[in-house]
């Protein structure tokens, strides 16, 4: 619903403001087994990552072993829901 979308938007804004490069979100789709989303601060793009790969993905991104573009190529972009 709109309230949850606004709340996550505020959280993203706070994380962006303090310079957190990647934000992890657990949503209803995550609970249904589709994996959490990882959001990149500079582009605001999001990918959905399988839970089994999450630690590796975040480690590689934070240590510069893989680029955001490589993550997008591998997992594909998702659109944030506004419903």
Protein backbone atom coordinates (compact mmCIF):
# COMPACT_ATOMS: atom_id res chain seq x y z
CA UNK A 1 0.00 0.00 0.00
CA UNK A 2 1.02 3.65 -0.22
CA UNK A 3 2.06 3.88 3.42
CA UNK A 4 4.67 1.12 3.11
CA UNK A 5 6.00 2.59 -0.16
CA UNK A 6 6.44 6.00 1.48
CA UNK A 7 8.10 4.40 4.51
CA UNK A 8 10.66 2.51 2.43
CA UNK A 9 11.28 5.65 0.37
CA UNK A 10 12.12 7.54 3.55
CA UNK A 11 14.45 4.77 4.67
CA UNK A 12 16.21 4.79 1.31
CA UNK A 13 16.55 8.57 1.53
CA UNK A 14 18.13 8.31 4.99
CA UNK A 15 20.59 5.68 3.82
CA UNK A 16 21.43 7.74 0.72
CA UNK A 17 22.01 10.80 2.88
CA UNK A 18 24.59 9.09 5.08
CA UNK A 19 26.31 7.46 2.11
CA UNK A 20 25.34 3.79 2.40
CA UNK A 21 26.17 2.43 -1.09
CA UNK A 22 23.81 -0.58 -1.05
CA UNK A 23 20.52 -1.12 0.76
CA UNK A 24 18.98 -4.51 1.41
CA UNK A 25 15.20 -4.85 1.59
CA UNK A 26 13.10 -7.80 2.70
CA UNK A 27 9.56 -7.49 1.37
CA UNK A 28 6.56 -9.73 0.79
CA UNK A 29 8.13 -11.17 -2.36
CA UNK A 30 11.18 -12.11 -0.29
CA UNK A 31 8.96 -13.98 2.14
CA UNK A 32 7.43 -15.83 -0.82
CA UNK A 33 10.88 -17.13 -1.76
CA UNK A 34 11.80 -14.63 -4.47
CA UNK A 35 14.82 -13.23 -2.60
CA UNK A 36 15.54 -9.81 -1.10
CA UNK A 37 16.26 -6.70 -3.13
CA UNK A 38 19.57 -4.89 -3.21
CA UNK A 39 19.40 -1.20 -4.14
CA UNK A 40 22.37 0.80 -5.40
CA UNK A 41 22.50 4.33 -4.00
CA UNK A 42 23.86 6.27 -6.98
CA UNK A 43 21.51 4.87 -9.64
CA UNK A 44 18.64 3.92 -7.26
CA UNK A 45 18.34 0.73 -9.32
CA UNK A 46 17.32 -2.54 -7.66
CA UNK A 47 17.98 -6.21 -8.30
CA UNK A 48 16.40 -9.21 -6.61
CA UNK A 49 19.04 -11.68 -5.41
CA UNK A 50 18.49 -15.30 -4.34
CA UNK A 51 19.00 -15.66 -0.59
CA UNK A 52 21.67 -18.29 -1.17
CA UNK A 53 23.79 -15.74 -3.09
CA UNK A 54 23.15 -12.68 -0.94
CA UNK A 55 26.28 -12.76 1.24
CA UNK A 56 28.51 -13.35 -1.79
CA UNK A 57 26.84 -10.54 -3.77
CA UNK A 58 27.14 -7.98 -0.96
CA UNK A 59 30.72 -9.03 -0.19
CA UNK A 60 31.74 -8.75 -3.84
CA UNK A 61 30.04 -5.38 -4.30
CA UNK A 62 31.45 -3.88 -1.11
CA UNK A 63 34.98 -5.15 -1.83
CA UNK A 64 34.92 -3.99 -5.45
CA UNK A 65 35.19 -7.54 -6.81
CA UNK A 66 32.09 -7.02 -8.97
CA UNK A 67 30.44 -3.90 -10.29
CA UNK A 68 26.82 -2.89 -10.02
CA UNK A 69 26.55 -3.23 -13.79
CA UNK A 70 27.61 -6.88 -13.49
CA UNK A 71 24.90 -7.45 -10.87
CA UNK A 72 22.27 -5.85 -13.11
CA UNK A 73 23.42 -7.98 -16.03
CA UNK A 74 23.23 -11.17 -13.95
CA UNK A 75 19.98 -10.56 -12.01
CA UNK A 76 18.10 -7.96 -14.04
CA UNK A 77 16.49 -4.77 -12.78
CA UNK A 78 13.25 -4.78 -10.86
CA UNK A 79 10.77 -1.95 -10.72
CA UNK A 80 9.82 -0.57 -7.31
CA UNK A 81 6.12 -1.00 -6.68
CA UNK A 82 4.08 2.13 -6.11
CA UNK A 83 0.87 0.27 -5.26
